[in-house]
Amino acid sequence: MRVYLNVAQIIVSVALVAIILLQVRSGSSVGGMFGGGDTSVYRTRRGVERTIFNMTVGLSIAFFTITIMNVVVTG
């Protein structure tokens, strides 16, 4: 069981990093990553940006759940 959880955690973590990098890349500029860029704080996410955001939230929840399960199983 531990092996499957470890493999699942590795797969989810790699997918989470890839999705986060896609999210940063789809932004307006590199300056936006460090706090610069446009001044609008609230934006409406539409289309692919919304899908990537929802996938990020889902993968984060999956990663957290798998991590907690891994800690419980390993004792």
Protein backbone atom coordinates (compact mmCIF):
# COMPACT_ATOMS: atom_id res chain seq x y z
CA MET A 1 0.00 0.00 0.00
CA ARG A 2 2.85 2.37 0.82
CA VAL A 3 4.40 1.88 -2.59
CA TYR A 4 1.16 2.78 -4.35
CA LEU A 5 0.72 5.89 -2.22
CA ASN A 6 4.29 6.97 -2.88
CA VAL A 7 3.88 6.49 -6.63
CA ALA A 8 0.56 8.35 -6.59
CA GLN A 9 2.12 11.19 -4.61
CA ILE A 10 4.99 11.51 -7.08
CA ILE A 11 2.62 11.54 -10.06
CA VAL A 12 0.31 14.12 -8.49
CA SER A 13 3.22 16.33 -7.45
CA VAL A 14 4.72 16.35 -10.96
CA ALA A 15 1.30 17.14 -12.44
CA LEU A 16 0.80 19.92 -9.88
CA VAL A 17 4.14 21.52 -10.73
CA ALA A 18 3.34 21.33 -14.45
CA ILE A 19 -0.09 22.91 -13.99
CA ILE A 20 1.34 25.70 -11.83
CA LEU A 21 3.98 26.43 -14.45
CA LEU A 22 1.26 26.55 -17.11
CA GLN A 23 -0.67 28.98 -14.95
CA VAL A 24 2.32 31.30 -14.56
CA ARG A 25 3.17 31.07 -18.24
CA SER A 26 -0.33 32.00 -19.34
CA GLY A 27 -0.09 35.25 -17.35
CA SER A 28 0.66 38.59 -18.95
CA SER A 29 4.34 38.87 -18.10
CA VAL A 30 7.11 37.62 -15.87
CA GLY A 31 6.74 40.73 -13.71
CA GLY A 32 3.30 39.51 -12.68
CA MET A 33 4.91 36.54 -10.99
CA PHE A 34 6.84 38.86 -8.65
CA GLY A 35 4.02 41.24 -7.85
CA GLY A 36 4.35 43.67 -10.75
CA GLY A 37 2.36 43.81 -13.93
CA ASP A 38 -1.20 44.99 -14.23
CA THR A 39 -2.86 46.55 -11.22
CA SER A 40 -6.21 44.76 -11.45
CA VAL A 41 -6.37 42.42 -8.49
CA TYR A 42 -9.74 40.85 -9.26
CA ARG A 43 -10.17 39.29 -12.67
CA THR A 44 -12.72 36.91 -14.07
CA ARG A 45 -11.22 33.63 -15.20
CA ARG A 46 -12.67 32.31 -18.44
CA GLY A 47 -12.07 29.38 -20.73
CA VAL A 48 -8.76 27.57 -20.47
CA GLU A 49 -7.54 29.77 -17.61
CA ARG A 50 -10.51 28.73 -15.48
CA THR A 51 -9.95 25.05 -16.33
CA ILE A 52 -6.27 25.27 -15.38
CA PHE A 53 -7.21 27.02 -12.12
CA ASN A 54 -9.77 24.32 -11.27
CA MET A 55 -7.23 21.60 -12.08
CA THR A 56 -4.72 23.30 -9.77
CA VAL A 57 -7.22 23.31 -6.92
CA GLY A 58 -8.17 19.68 -7.55
CA LEU A 59 -4.55 18.50 -7.73
CA SER A 60 -3.71 20.42 -4.56
CA ILE A 61 -6.54 18.73 -2.69
CA ALA A 62 -5.49 15.33 -4.08
CA PHE A 63 -1.87 15.93 -3.06
CA PHE A 64 -2.88 16.93 0.46
CA THR A 65 -5.17 13.91 0.81
CA ILE A 66 -2.56 11.45 -0.46
CA THR A 67 0.04 12.98 1.87
CA ILE A 68 -2.23 12.59 4.91
CA MET A 69 -3.03 8.99 3.90
CA ASN A 70 0.68 8.30 3.47
CA VAL A 71 1.44 9.60 6.95
CA VAL A 72 -1.37 7.53 8.49
CA VAL A 73 -0.31 4.32 6.71
CA THR A 74 3.38 4.65 7.58
CA GLY A 75 2.54 5.41 11.19
